């Protein structure tokens, strides 16, 4: 499988800045420009811990589509965790 047409979006934000819209704005800026800057990409993904409701909200506000849950896909602090997958595809129009 050729993954050259697929990219990933990630972010980390210190808790001092949570709830201020910074992550949402940053992800939205990337979302509206990524396919213009990288025309070979057809899909961009972002996954988030299933318990991280705030990050799920960030991705939804940035207009990524919630695709589903990857059940028990990783171990964090000795416990299996679910991840929620979000995506953006080049054929989906975004509000700017």
PDB file of N, CA and C in Angstrom:
ATOM      1  N   UNK A   1       0.848  -1.178   0.000  1.00  0.00           N
ATOM      2  CA  UNK A   1       0.000   0.000   0.000  1.00  0.00           C
ATOM      3  C   UNK A   1       0.895   1.244   0.000  1.00  0.00           C
ATOM      4  N   UNK A   2       0.574   2.178  -0.844  1.00  0.00           N
ATOM      5  CA  UNK A   2       1.313   3.432  -0.944  1.00  0.00           C
ATOM      6  C   UNK A   2       0.636   4.475  -0.051  1.00  0.00           C
ATOM      7  N   UNK A   3       1.352   4.963   0.942  1.00  0.00           N
ATOM      8  CA  UNK A   3       0.796   5.948   1.878  1.00  0.00           C
ATOM      9  C   UNK A   3       1.219   7.373   1.557  1.00  0.00           C
ATOM     10  N   UNK A   4       1.778   7.602   0.389  1.00  0.00           N
ATOM     11  CA  UNK A   4       2.238   8.951   0.050  1.00  0.00           C
ATOM     12  C   UNK A   4       1.097   9.938  -0.121  1.00  0.00           C
ATOM     13  N   UNK A   5      -0.107   9.432  -0.295  1.00  0.00           N
ATOM     14  CA  UNK A   5      -1.255  10.330  -0.477  1.00  0.00           C
ATOM     15  C   UNK A   5      -1.939  10.639   0.852  1.00  0.00           C
ATOM     16  N   UNK A   6      -1.359  10.162   1.950  1.00  0.00           N
ATOM     17  CA  UNK A   6      -1.987  10.321   3.264  1.00  0.00           C
ATOM     18  C   UNK A   6      -1.037  11.028   4.228  1.00  0.00           C
ATOM     19  N   UNK A   7      -1.590  11.948   5.014  1.00  0.00           N
ATOM     20  CA  UNK A   7      -0.797  12.651   6.015  1.00  0.00           C
ATOM     21  C   UNK A   7      -1.474  12.591   7.372  1.00  0.00           C
ATOM     22  N   UNK A   8      -0.763  13.038   8.388  1.00  0.00           N
ATOM     23  CA  UNK A   8      -1.304  13.073   9.746  1.00  0.00           C
ATOM     24  C   UNK A   8      -1.215  14.482  10.299  1.00  0.00           C
ATOM     25  N   UNK A   9      -2.205  14.845  11.096  1.00  0.00           N
ATOM     26  CA  UNK A   9      -2.202  16.119  11.818  1.00  0.00           C
ATOM     27  C   UNK A   9      -2.127  15.791  13.306  1.00  0.00           C
ATOM     28  N   UNK A  10      -1.261  16.498  14.007  1.00  0.00           N
ATOM     29  CA  UNK A  10      -1.145  16.323  15.463  1.00  0.00           C
ATOM     30  C   UNK A  10      -0.863  17.668  16.102  1.00  0.00           C
ATOM     31  N   UNK A  11      -1.171  17.756  17.370  1.00  0.00           N
ATOM     32  CA  UNK A  11      -0.843  18.967  18.113  1.00  0.00           C
ATOM     33  C   UNK A  11      -0.671  18.618  19.583  1.00  0.00           C
ATOM     34  N   UNK A  12       0.084  19.445  20.258  1.00  0.00           N
ATOM     35  CA  UNK A  12       0.260  19.360  21.708  1.00  0.00           C
ATOM     36  C   UNK A  12       0.155  20.781  22.223  1.00  0.00           C
ATOM     37  N   UNK A  13      -0.620  20.959  23.266  1.00  0.00           N
ATOM     38  CA  UNK A  13      -0.826  22.291  23.827  1.00  0.00           C
ATOM     39  C   UNK A  13      -0.755  22.194  25.346  1.00  0.00           C
ATOM     40  N   UNK A  14       0.086  23.004  25.958  1.00  0.00           N
ATOM     41  CA  UNK A  14       0.192  22.987  27.409  1.00  0.00           C
ATOM     42  C   UNK A  14      -1.140  23.399  28.039  1.00  0.00           C
ATOM     43  N   UNK A  15      -1.422  22.861  29.196  1.00  0.00           N
ATOM     44  CA  UNK A  15      -2.729  23.072  29.841  1.00  0.00           C
ATOM     45  C   UNK A  15      -3.018  24.543  30.133  1.00  0.00           C
ATOM     46  N   UNK A  16      -2.004  25.371  30.202  1.00  0.00           N
ATOM     47  CA  UNK A  16      -2.239  26.809  30.424  1.00  0.00           C
ATOM     48  C   UNK A  16      -3.101  27.417  29.326  1.00  0.00           C
ATOM     49  N   UNK A  17      -3.035  26.829  28.133  1.00  0.00           N
ATOM     50  CA  UNK A  17      -3.731  27.390  26.979  1.00  0.00           C
ATOM     51  C   UNK A  17      -4.992  26.621  26.576  1.00  0.00           C
ATOM     52  N   UNK A  18      -5.356  25.608  27.345  1.00  0.00           N
ATOM     53  CA  UNK A  18      -6.572  24.852  27.033  1.00  0.00           C
ATOM     54  C   UNK A  18      -7.795  25.756  27.136  1.00  0.00           C
ATOM     55  N   UNK A  19      -8.775  25.517  26.297  1.00  0.00           N
ATOM     56  CA  UNK A  19     -10.047  26.236  26.370  1.00  0.00           C
ATOM     57  C   UNK A  19     -10.027  27.645  25.807  1.00  0.00           C
ATOM     58  N   UNK A  20      -8.959  28.025  25.127  1.00  0.00           N
ATOM     59  CA  UNK A  20      -8.849  29.381  24.577  1.00  0.00           C
ATOM     60  C   UNK A  20      -9.024  29.419  23.057  1.00  0.00           C
ATOM     61  N   UNK A  21      -9.285  28.275  22.447  1.00  0.00           N
ATOM     62  CA  UNK A  21      -9.496  28.223  21.003  1.00  0.00           C
ATOM     63  C   UNK A  21      -8.228  28.175  20.176  1.00  0.00           C
ATOM     64  N   UNK A  22      -7.075  28.089  20.816  1.00  0.00           N
ATOM     65  CA  UNK A  22      -5.798  28.121  20.099  1.00  0.00           C
ATOM     66  C   UNK A  22      -5.618  26.873  19.239  1.00  0.00           C
ATOM     67  N   UNK A  23      -5.846  25.701  19.810  1.00  0.00           N
ATOM     68  CA  UNK A  23      -5.684  24.455  19.050  1.00  0.00           C
ATOM     69  C   UNK A  23      -6.683  24.388  17.906  1.00  0.00           C
ATOM     70  N   UNK A  24      -7.910  24.812  18.160  1.00  0.00           N
ATOM     71  CA  UNK A  24      -8.929  24.801  17.107  1.00  0.00           C
ATOM     72  C   UNK A  24      -8.511  25.701  15.952  1.00  0.00           C
ATOM     73  N   UNK A  25      -8.046  26.894  16.268  1.00  0.00           N
ATOM     74  CA  UNK A  25      -7.628  27.832  15.217  1.00  0.00           C
ATOM     75  C   UNK A  25      -6.449  27.275  14.429  1.00  0.00           C
ATOM     76  N   UNK A  26      -5.475  26.704  15.117  1.00  0.00           N
ATOM     77  CA  UNK A  26      -4.299  26.149  14.443  1.00  0.00           C
ATOM     78  C   UNK A  26      -4.678  24.984  13.533  1.00  0.00           C
ATOM     79  N   UNK A  27      -5.509  24.094  14.023  1.00  0.00           N
ATOM     80  CA  UNK A  27      -5.919  22.944  13.215  1.00  0.00           C
ATOM     81  C   UNK A  27      -6.757  23.387  12.019  1.00  0.00           C
ATOM     82  N   UNK A  28      -7.584  24.379  12.216  1.00  0.00           N
ATOM     83  CA  UNK A  28      -8.404  24.903  11.120  1.00  0.00           C
ATOM     84  C   UNK A  28      -7.515  25.525  10.038  1.00  0.00           C
ATOM     85  N   UNK A  29      -6.490  26.277  10.447  1.00  0.00           N
ATOM     86  CA  UNK A  29      -5.561  26.873   9.476  1.00  0.00           C
ATOM     87  C   UNK A  29      -4.864  25.804   8.643  1.00  0.00           C
ATOM     88  N   UNK A  30      -4.443  24.742   9.299  1.00  0.00           N
ATOM     89  CA  UNK A  30      -3.811  23.639   8.574  1.00  0.00           C
ATOM     90  C   UNK A  30      -4.821  22.977   7.645  1.00  0.00           C
ATOM     91  N   UNK A  31      -6.021  22.738   8.154  1.00  0.00           N
ATOM     92  CA  UNK A  31      -7.046  22.037   7.374  1.00  0.00           C
ATOM     93  C   UNK A  31      -7.392  22.770   6.081  1.00  0.00           C
ATOM     94  N   UNK A  32      -7.488  24.092   6.133  1.00  0.00           N
ATOM     95  CA  UNK A  32      -7.892  24.832   4.930  1.00  0.00           C
ATOM     96  C   UNK A  32      -6.757  24.985   3.915  1.00  0.00           C
ATOM     97  N   UNK A  33      -5.516  24.757   4.331  1.00  0.00           N
ATOM     98  CA  UNK A  33      -4.401  24.978   3.409  1.00  0.00           C
ATOM     99  C   UNK A  33      -3.626  23.721   3.023  1.00  0.00           C
ATOM    100  N   UNK A  34      -3.816  22.635   3.730  1.00  0.00           N
ATOM    101  CA  UNK A  34      -2.956  21.466   3.537  1.00  0.00           C
ATOM    102  C   UNK A  34      -3.009  20.915   2.114  1.00  0.00           C
ATOM    103  N   UNK A  35      -4.167  20.868   1.504  1.00  0.00           N
ATOM    104  CA  UNK A  35      -4.264  20.279   0.169  1.00  0.00           C
ATOM    105  C   UNK A  35      -3.752  21.216  -0.926  1.00  0.00           C
ATOM    106  N   UNK A  36      -3.741  22.519  -0.650  1.00  0.00           N
ATOM    107  CA  UNK A  36      -3.134  23.462  -1.594  1.00  0.00           C
ATOM    108  C   UNK A  36      -1.613  23.380  -1.523  1.00  0.00           C
ATOM    109  N   UNK A  37      -1.094  23.275  -0.308  1.00  0.00           N
ATOM    110  CA  UNK A  37       0.350  23.233  -0.122  1.00  0.00           C
ATOM    111  C   UNK A  37       0.948  21.871  -0.441  1.00  0.00           C
ATOM    112  N   UNK A  38       0.163  20.827  -0.280  1.00  0.00           N
ATOM    113  CA  UNK A  38       0.628  19.458  -0.538  1.00  0.00           C
ATOM    114  C   UNK A  38      -0.371  18.752  -1.449  1.00  0.00           C
ATOM    115  N   UNK A  39      -0.395  19.085  -2.737  1.00  0.00           N
ATOM    116  CA  UNK A  39      -1.419  18.552  -3.642  1.00  0.00           C
ATOM    117  C   UNK A  39      -1.383  17.035  -3.812  1.00  0.00           C
ATOM    118  N   UNK A  40      -0.273  16.400  -3.455  1.00  0.00           N
ATOM    119  CA  UNK A  40      -0.211  14.939  -3.562  1.00  0.00           C
ATOM    120  C   UNK A  40      -1.047  14.243  -2.480  1.00  0.00           C
ATOM    121  N   UNK A  41      -1.376  14.983  -1.423  1.00  0.00           N
ATOM    122  CA  UNK A  41      -2.192  14.404  -0.354  1.00  0.00           C
ATOM    123  C   UNK A  41      -3.659  14.365  -0.763  1.00  0.00           C
ATOM    124  N   UNK A  42      -4.282  13.265  -0.468  1.00  0.00           N
ATOM    125  CA  UNK A  42      -5.716  13.103  -0.717  1.00  0.00           C
ATOM    126  C   UNK A  42      -6.486  12.944   0.584  1.00  0.00           C
ATOM    127  N   UNK A  43      -5.757  12.649   1.655  1.00  0.00           N
ATOM    128  CA  UNK A  43      -6.382  12.381   2.946  1.00  0.00           C
ATOM    129  C   UNK A  43      -5.431  12.805   4.059  1.00  0.00           C
ATOM    130  N   UNK A  44      -5.993  13.410   5.098  1.00  0.00           N
ATOM    131  CA  UNK A  44      -5.236  13.759   6.300  1.00  0.00           C
ATOM    132  C   UNK A  44      -6.001  13.187   7.484  1.00  0.00           C
ATOM    133  N   UNK A  45      -5.259  12.542   8.391  1.00  0.00           N
ATOM    134  CA  UNK A  45      -5.877  11.893   9.543  1.00  0.00           C
ATOM    135  C   UNK A  45      -5.398  12.518  10.844  1.00  0.00           C
ATOM    136  N   UNK A  46      -6.232  12.401  11.849  1.00  0.00           N
ATOM    137  CA  UNK A  46      -5.858  12.776  13.215  1.00  0.00           C
ATOM    138  C   UNK A  46      -6.544  11.788  14.140  1.00  0.00           C
ATOM    139  N   UNK A  47      -5.791  11.221  15.060  1.00  0.00           N
ATOM    140  CA  UNK A  47      -6.397  10.314  16.031  1.00  0.00           C
ATOM    141  C   UNK A  47      -6.183  10.880  17.424  1.00  0.00           C
ATOM    142  N   UNK A  48      -7.132  10.598  18.296  1.00  0.00           N
ATOM    143  CA  UNK A  48      -7.106  11.159  19.638  1.00  0.00           C
ATOM    144  C   UNK A  48      -7.587  10.102  20.629  1.00  0.00           C
ATOM    145  N   UNK A  49      -7.054  10.150  21.836  1.00  0.00           N
ATOM    146  CA  UNK A  49      -7.480   9.234  22.888  1.00  0.00           C
ATOM    147  C   UNK A  49      -8.995   9.311  23.055  1.00  0.00           C
ATOM    148  N   UNK A  50      -9.623   8.172  23.170  1.00  0.00           N
ATOM    149  CA  UNK A  50     -11.074   8.113  23.300  1.00  0.00           C
ATOM    150  C   UNK A  50     -11.626   8.858  24.496  1.00  0.00           C
ATOM    151  N   UNK A  51     -10.812   9.053  25.523  1.00  0.00           N
ATOM    152  CA  UNK A  51     -11.257   9.783  26.716  1.00  0.00           C
ATOM    153  C   UNK A  51     -11.015  11.284  26.624  1.00  0.00           C
ATOM    154  N   UNK A  52     -10.329  11.728  25.590  1.00  0.00           N
ATOM    155  CA  UNK A  52      -9.981  13.141  25.470  1.00  0.00           C
ATOM    156  C   UNK A  52     -11.073  13.882  24.687  1.00  0.00           C
ATOM    157  N   UNK A  53     -12.133  14.211  25.385  1.00  0.00           N
ATOM    158  CA  UNK A  53     -13.288  14.865  24.770  1.00  0.00           C
ATOM    159  C   UNK A  53     -12.918  16.240  24.220  1.00  0.00           C
ATOM    160  N   UNK A  54     -12.049  16.959  24.903  1.00  0.00           N
ATOM    161  CA  UNK A  54     -11.639  18.286  24.449  1.00  0.00           C
ATOM    162  C   UNK A  54     -10.960  18.239  23.091  1.00  0.00           C
ATOM    163  N   UNK A  55     -10.056  17.292  22.902  1.00  0.00           N
ATOM    164  CA  UNK A  55      -9.380  17.178  21.609  1.00  0.00           C
ATOM    165  C   UNK A  55     -10.331  16.710  20.516  1.00  0.00           C
ATOM    166  N   UNK A  56     -11.275  15.874  20.867  1.00  0.00           N
ATOM    167  CA  UNK A  56     -12.280  15.468  19.879  1.00  0.00           C
ATOM    168  C   UNK A  56     -13.090  16.683  19.427  1.00  0.00           C
ATOM    169  N   UNK A  57     -13.397  17.553  20.357  1.00  0.00           N
ATOM    170  CA  UNK A  57     -14.134  18.779  20.032  1.00  0.00           C
ATOM    171  C   UNK A  57     -13.294  19.695  19.132  1.00  0.00           C
ATOM    172  N   UNK A  58     -12.000  19.795  19.424  1.00  0.00           N
ATOM    173  CA  UNK A  58     -11.096  20.600  18.590  1.00  0.00           C
ATOM    174  C   UNK A  58     -11.141  20.122  17.142  1.00  0.00           C
ATOM    175  N   UNK A  59     -11.016  18.825  16.943  1.00  0.00           N
ATOM    176  CA  UNK A  59     -10.987  18.284  15.583  1.00  0.00           C
ATOM    177  C   UNK A  59     -12.328  18.453  14.880  1.00  0.00           C
ATOM    178  N   UNK A  60     -13.410  18.285  15.606  1.00  0.00           N
ATOM    179  CA  UNK A  60     -14.737  18.485  15.012  1.00  0.00           C
ATOM    180  C   UNK A  60     -14.932  19.948  14.609  1.00  0.00           C
ATOM    181  N   UNK A  61     -14.497  20.877  15.458  1.00  0.00           N
ATOM    182  CA  UNK A  61     -14.618  22.304  15.129  1.00  0.00           C
ATOM    183  C   UNK A  61     -13.736  22.688  13.948  1.00  0.00           C
ATOM    184  N   UNK A  62     -12.639  21.957  13.759  1.00  0.00           N
ATOM    185  CA  UNK A  62     -11.756  22.200  12.617  1.00  0.00           C
ATOM    186  C   UNK A  62     -12.288  21.509  11.357  1.00  0.00           C
ATOM    187  N   UNK A  63     -13.476  20.955  11.454  1.00  0.00           N
ATOM    188  CA  UNK A  63     -14.202  20.334  10.345  1.00  0.00           C
ATOM    189  C   UNK A  63     -13.626  19.009   9.874  1.00  0.00           C
ATOM    190  N   UNK A  64     -12.892  18.308  10.728  1.00  0.00           N
ATOM    191  CA  UNK A  64     -12.503  16.951  10.397  1.00  0.00           C
ATOM    192  C   UNK A  64     -13.697  16.044  10.692  1.00  0.00           C
ATOM    193  N   UNK A  65     -13.834  14.981   9.940  1.00  0.00           N
ATOM    194  CA  UNK A  65     -14.944  14.050  10.091  1.00  0.00           C
ATOM    195  C   UNK A  65     -14.563  12.936  11.051  1.00  0.00           C
ATOM    196  N   UNK A  66     -15.420  12.688  12.025  1.00  0.00           N
ATOM    197  CA  UNK A  66     -15.200  11.578  12.958  1.00  0.00           C
ATOM    198  C   UNK A  66     -15.547  10.291  12.231  1.00  0.00           C
ATOM    199  N   UNK A  67     -14.556   9.426  12.063  1.00  0.00           N
ATOM    200  CA  UNK A  67     -14.768   8.195  11.309  1.00  0.00           C
ATOM    201  C   UNK A  67     -15.140   7.017  12.184  1.00  0.00           C
ATOM    202  N   UNK A  68     -14.600   6.961  13.376  1.00  0.00           N
ATOM    203  CA  UNK A  68     -14.922   5.827  14.230  1.00  0.00           C
ATOM    204  C   UNK A  68     -13.893   5.627  15.314  1.00  0.00           C
ATOM    205  N   UNK A  69     -14.068   4.527  16.036  1.00  0.00           N
ATOM    206  CA  UNK A  69     -13.225   4.215  17.183  1.00  0.00           C
ATOM    207  C   UNK A  69     -12.332   3.024  16.848  1.00  0.00           C
ATOM    208  N   UNK A  70     -11.053   3.176  17.116  1.00  0.00           N
ATOM    209  CA  UNK A  70     -10.093   2.081  17.012  1.00  0.00           C
ATOM    210  C   UNK A  70      -9.978   1.494  18.418  1.00  0.00           C
ATOM    211  N   UNK A  71     -10.656   0.396  18.638  1.00  0.00           N
ATOM    212  CA  UNK A  71     -10.785  -0.150  19.988  1.00  0.00           C
ATOM    213  C   UNK A  71      -9.506  -0.831  20.459  1.00  0.00           C
ATOM    214  N   UNK A  72      -9.128  -0.525  21.679  1.00  0.00           N
ATOM    215  CA  UNK A  72      -7.972  -1.130  22.349  1.00  0.00           C
ATOM    216  C   UNK A  72      -6.736  -1.164  21.446  1.00  0.00           C
ATOM    217  N   UNK A  73      -6.434  -0.035  20.843  1.00  0.00           N
ATOM    218  CA  UNK A  73      -5.348   0.029  19.861  1.00  0.00           C
ATOM    219  C   UNK A  73      -3.987   0.348  20.475  1.00  0.00           C
ATOM    220  N   UNK A  74      -3.972   0.878  21.693  1.00  0.00           N
ATOM    221  CA  UNK A  74      -2.683   1.212  22.291  1.00  0.00           C
ATOM    222  C   UNK A  74      -2.736   1.008  23.802  1.00  0.00           C
ATOM    223  N   UNK A  75      -1.554   1.025  24.397  1.00  0.00           N
ATOM    224  CA  UNK A  75      -1.439   0.913  25.849  1.00  0.00           C
ATOM    225  C   UNK A  75      -0.843   2.214  26.360  1.00  0.00           C
ATOM    226  N   UNK A  76      -1.507   2.821  27.324  1.00  0.00           N
ATOM    227  CA  UNK A  76      -1.046   4.060  27.932  1.00  0.00           C
ATOM    228  C   UNK A  76      -1.103   3.891  29.438  1.00  0.00           C
ATOM    229  N   UNK A  77       0.033   4.060  30.077  1.00  0.00           N
ATOM    230  CA  UNK A  77       0.128   3.895  31.528  1.00  0.00           C
ATOM    231  C   UNK A  77      -0.418   2.537  31.973  1.00  0.00           C
ATOM    232  N   UNK A  78      -0.074   1.504  31.198  1.00  0.00           N
ATOM    233  CA  UNK A  78      -0.440   0.144  31.558  1.00  0.00           C
ATOM    234  C   UNK A  78      -1.874  -0.259  31.254  1.00  0.00           C
ATOM    235  N   UNK A  79      -2.638   0.607  30.611  1.00  0.00           N
ATOM    236  CA  UNK A  79      -4.040   0.296  30.305  1.00  0.00           C
ATOM    237  C   UNK A  79      -4.276   0.397  28.802  1.00  0.00           C
ATOM    238  N   UNK A  80      -5.071  -0.529  28.279  1.00  0.00           N
ATOM    239  CA  UNK A  80      -5.407  -0.436  26.862  1.00  0.00           C
ATOM    240  C   UNK A  80      -6.371   0.719  26.652  1.00  0.00           C
ATOM    241  N   UNK A  81      -6.176   1.402  25.535  1.00  0.00           N
ATOM    242  CA  UNK A  81      -6.971   2.600  25.255  1.00  0.00           C
ATOM    243  C   UNK A  81      -7.574   2.524  23.868  1.00  0.00           C
ATOM    244  N   UNK A  82      -8.718   3.164  23.730  1.00  0.00           N
ATOM    245  CA  UNK A  82      -9.343   3.360  22.429  1.00  0.00           C
ATOM    246  C   UNK A  82      -8.847   4.684  21.859  1.00  0.00           C
ATOM    247  N   UNK A  83      -8.798   4.759  20.542  1.00  0.00           N
ATOM    248  CA  UNK A  83      -8.487   6.008  19.856  1.00  0.00           C
ATOM    249  C   UNK A  83      -9.647   6.324  18.924  1.00  0.00           C
ATOM    250  N   UNK A  84      -9.946   7.597  18.773  1.00  0.00           N
ATOM    251  CA  UNK A  84     -10.990   8.036  17.854  1.00  0.00           C
ATOM    252  C   UNK A  84     -10.298   8.630  16.630  1.00  0.00           C
ATOM    253  N   UNK A  85     -10.683   8.140  15.457  1.00  0.00           N
ATOM    254  CA  UNK A  85     -10.069   8.578  14.207  1.00  0.00           C
ATOM    255  C   UNK A  85     -10.922   9.657  13.550  1.00  0.00           C
ATOM    256  N   UNK A  86     -10.264  10.739  13.163  1.00  0.00           N
ATOM    257  CA  UNK A  86     -10.877  11.827  12.408  1.00  0.00           C
ATOM    258  C   UNK A  86     -10.127  11.943  11.087  1.00  0.00           C
ATOM    259  N   UNK A  87     -10.789  12.459  10.071  1.00  0.00           N
ATOM    260  CA  UNK A  87     -10.102  12.631   8.793  1.00  0.00           C
ATOM    261  C   UNK A  87     -10.648  13.825   8.027  1.00  0.00           C
ATOM    262  N   UNK A  88      -9.866  14.189   7.047  1.00  0.00           N
ATOM    263  CA  UNK A  88     -10.215  15.242   6.103  1.00  0.00           C
ATOM    264  C   UNK A  88      -9.759  14.724   4.747  1.00  0.00           C
ATOM    265  N   UNK A  89     -10.628  14.788   3.746  1.00  0.00           N
ATOM    266  CA  UNK A  89     -10.226  14.358   2.407  1.00  0.00           C
ATOM    267  C   UNK A  89     -10.290  15.545   1.456  1.00  0.00           C
ATOM    268  N   UNK A  90      -9.472  15.474   0.436  1.00  0.00           N
ATOM    269  CA  UNK A  90      -9.286  16.630  -0.449  1.00  0.00           C
ATOM    270  C   UNK A  90     -10.548  17.040  -1.196  1.00  0.00           C
ATOM    271  N   UNK A  91     -11.506  16.152  -1.323  1.00  0.00           N
ATOM    272  CA  UNK A  91     -12.730  16.466  -2.070  1.00  0.00           C
ATOM    273  C   UNK A  91     -13.818  17.082  -1.205  1.00  0.00           C
ATOM    274  N   UNK A  92     -13.572  17.200   0.099  1.00  0.00           N
ATOM    275  CA  UNK A  92     -14.559  17.799   1.002  1.00  0.00           C
ATOM    276  C   UNK A  92     -14.317  19.296   1.125  1.00  0.00           C
ATOM    277  N   UNK A  93     -15.303  20.111   0.784  1.00  0.00           N
ATOM    278  CA  UNK A  93     -15.120  21.562   0.929  1.00  0.00           C
ATOM    279  C   UNK A  93     -15.148  21.970   2.403  1.00  0.00           C
ATOM    280  N   UNK A  94     -14.343  22.954   2.745  1.00  0.00           N
ATOM    281  CA  UNK A  94     -14.304  23.486   4.108  1.00  0.00           C
ATOM    282  C   UNK A  94     -14.761  24.931   4.103  1.00  0.00           C
ATOM    283  N   UNK A  95     -15.359  25.350   5.213  1.00  0.00           N
ATOM    284  CA  UNK A  95     -15.671  26.765   5.385  1.00  0.00           C
ATOM    285  C   UNK A  95     -14.389  27.452   5.817  1.00  0.00           C
ATOM    286  N   UNK A  96     -14.105  28.612   5.244  1.00  0.00           N
ATOM    287  CA  UNK A  96     -12.855  29.290   5.609  1.00  0.00           C
ATOM    288  C   UNK A  96     -13.070  30.420   6.555  1.00  0.00           C
TER     289      UNK A  96
END
